[in-house]
C-alpha atoms as a PDB file:
ATOM      1  CA  MET A   1       0.000   0.000   0.000  1.00  0.00           C
ATOM      2  CA  MET A   2       1.195   3.467  -0.826  1.00  0.00           C
ATOM      3  CA  SER A   3       1.131   6.156   1.751  1.00  0.00           C
ATOM      4  CA  TRP A   4      -0.870   9.280   1.003  1.00  0.00           C
ATOM      5  CA  VAL A   5       2.354  11.333   0.766  1.00  0.00           C
ATOM      6  CA  TRP A   6       3.746   9.065  -1.953  1.00  0.00           C
ATOM      7  CA  ARG A   7       0.445   9.221  -3.855  1.00  0.00           C
ATOM      8  CA  MET A   8       0.350  13.022  -3.696  1.00  0.00           C
ATOM      9  CA  MET A   9       3.943  13.230  -4.946  1.00  0.00           C
ATOM     10  CA  LEU A  10       3.124  10.890  -7.829  1.00  0.00           C
ATOM     11  CA  VAL A  11       0.030  12.913  -8.740  1.00  0.00           C
ATOM     12  CA  ALA A  12       2.075  16.141  -8.657  1.00  0.00           C
ATOM     13  CA  VAL A  13       4.803  14.677 -10.868  1.00  0.00           C
ATOM     14  CA  VAL A  14       2.307  13.307 -13.391  1.00  0.00           C
ATOM     15  CA  THR A  15       0.475  16.623 -13.439  1.00  0.00           C
ATOM     16  CA  LEU A  16       3.458  18.970 -13.620  1.00  0.00           C
ATOM     17  CA  VAL A  17       6.171  17.184 -15.582  1.00  0.00           C
ATOM     18  CA  PRO A  18       5.651  17.166 -19.359  1.00  0.00           C
ATOM     19  CA  GLY A  19       5.463  13.623 -20.668  1.00  0.00           C
ATOM     20  CA  ALA A  20       5.062  12.072 -17.224  1.00  0.00           C
ATOM     21  CA  PHE A  21       1.526  10.920 -17.986  1.00  0.00           C
ATOM     22  CA  MET A  22       2.693   9.005 -21.053  1.00  0.00           C
ATOM     23  CA  LEU A  23       5.526   7.538 -19.023  1.00  0.00           C
ATOM     24  CA  LEU A  24       3.020   6.373 -16.390  1.00  0.00           C
ATOM     25  CA  VAL A  25       0.742   4.836 -19.021  1.00  0.00           C
ATOM     26  CA  SER A  26       3.728   3.089 -20.626  1.00  0.00           C
ATOM     27  CA  TYR A  27       4.819   1.722 -17.273  1.00  0.00           C
ATOM     28  CA  LEU A  28       1.334   0.425 -16.492  1.00  0.00           C
ATOM     29  CA  ALA A  29       0.977  -1.168 -19.926  1.00  0.00           C
ATOM     30  CA  THR A  30       4.360  -2.867 -19.583  1.00  0.00           C
ATOM     31  CA  ARG A  31       3.567  -4.121 -16.092  1.00  0.00           C
ATOM     32  CA  THR A  32       0.191  -5.458 -17.238  1.00  0.00           C
ATOM     33  CA  MET A  33       1.710  -7.166 -20.268  1.00  0.00           C
ATOM     34  CA  TRP A  34       4.439  -8.749 -18.139  1.00  0.00           C
ATOM     35  CA  GLU A  35       1.836 -10.080 -15.699  1.00  0.00           C
ATOM     36  CA  HIS A  36      -0.263 -11.537 -18.520  1.00  0.00           C
ATOM     37  CA  TRP A  37       2.854 -13.024 -20.156  1.00  0.00           C
ATOM     38  CA  ARG A  38       3.858 -14.795 -16.922  1.00  0.00           C
ATOM     39  CA  GLN A  39       0.320 -16.169 -16.502  1.00  0.00           C
ATOM     40  CA  ALA A  40       0.241 -17.376 -20.098  1.00  0.00           C
ATOM     41  CA  GLN A  41       3.627 -19.076 -19.709  1.00  0.00           C
ATOM     42  CA  GLN A  42       2.460 -20.904 -16.588  1.00  0.00           C
ATOM     43  CA  GLU A  43      -0.719 -22.045 -18.327  1.00  0.00           C
ATOM     44  CA  SER A  44       1.325 -23.038 -21.361  1.00  0.00           C
ATOM     45  CA  LEU A  45       3.576 -25.236 -19.272  1.00  0.00           C
ATOM     46  CA  ALA A  46       0.586 -26.872 -17.616  1.00  0.00           C
ATOM     47  CA  SER A  47      -1.344 -27.528 -20.831  1.00  0.00           C
ATOM     48  CA  GLY A  48       1.546 -28.028 -23.262  1.00  0.00           C
ATOM     49  CA  VAL A  49       0.118 -25.527 -25.762  1.00  0.00           C
ATOM     50  CA  PRO A  50       2.616 -22.875 -26.916  1.00  0.00           C
ATOM     51  CA  VAL A  51       1.679 -19.238 -26.389  1.00  0.00           C
ATOM     52  CA  SER A  52       2.610 -16.253 -28.541  1.00  0.00           C
ATOM     53  CA  PHE A  53       2.896 -12.552 -27.844  1.00  0.00           C
ATOM     54  CA  ARG A  54      -0.191 -11.977 -29.989  1.00  0.00           C
ATOM     55  CA  ASP A  55      -2.207 -14.335 -27.783  1.00  0.00           C
ATOM     56  CA  VAL A  56      -1.113 -12.448 -24.684  1.00  0.00           C
ATOM     57  CA  LEU A  57      -1.796  -9.059 -26.271  1.00  0.00           C
ATOM     58  CA  ALA A  58      -5.336 -10.186 -27.095  1.00  0.00           C
ATOM     59  CA  THR A  59      -6.037 -10.752 -23.395  1.00  0.00           C
ATOM     60  CA  VAL A  60      -5.118  -7.220 -22.274  1.00  0.00           C
ATOM     61  CA  HIS A  61      -8.029  -4.798 -22.033  1.00  0.00           C
ATOM     62  CA  LEU A  62      -8.043  -1.035 -21.619  1.00  0.00           C
ATOM     63  CA  LYS A  63     -10.248  -1.471 -18.567  1.00  0.00           C
ATOM     64  CA  GLU A  64      -7.403  -3.252 -16.767  1.00  0.00           C
ATOM     65  CA  LEU A  65      -4.980  -0.438 -17.558  1.00  0.00           C
ATOM     66  CA  VAL A  66      -7.436   2.140 -16.227  1.00  0.00           C
ATOM     67  CA  GLN A  67      -7.971   0.100 -13.053  1.00  0.00           C
ATOM     68  CA  GLN A  68      -4.227  -0.128 -12.464  1.00  0.00           C
ATOM     69  CA  ALA A  69      -3.786   3.595 -13.095  1.00  0.00           C
ATOM     70  CA  ARG A  70      -6.492   4.392 -10.570  1.00  0.00           C
ATOM     71  CA  ALA A  71      -4.923   2.012  -8.057  1.00  0.00           C
ATOM     72  CA  THR A  72      -1.521   3.628  -8.576  1.00  0.00           C
ATOM     73  CA  LEU A  73      -2.834   7.153  -8.171  1.00  0.00           C
END
């Protein structure tokens, strides 16, 4: 859990620094993709069916990115 001070600092940086919002969105997208990739690899090992990046990308939804952004801020 983030403390309220850390959250306020993050909100200030994202608001004031040019390009910080895009950096935050990129970070969240990368983190979400990495999480989905790890899940897909585990399922692939269990089932024996190979998984591709395209398969993983198809499972990521904008709603998840928005939820993670709201949780971060």
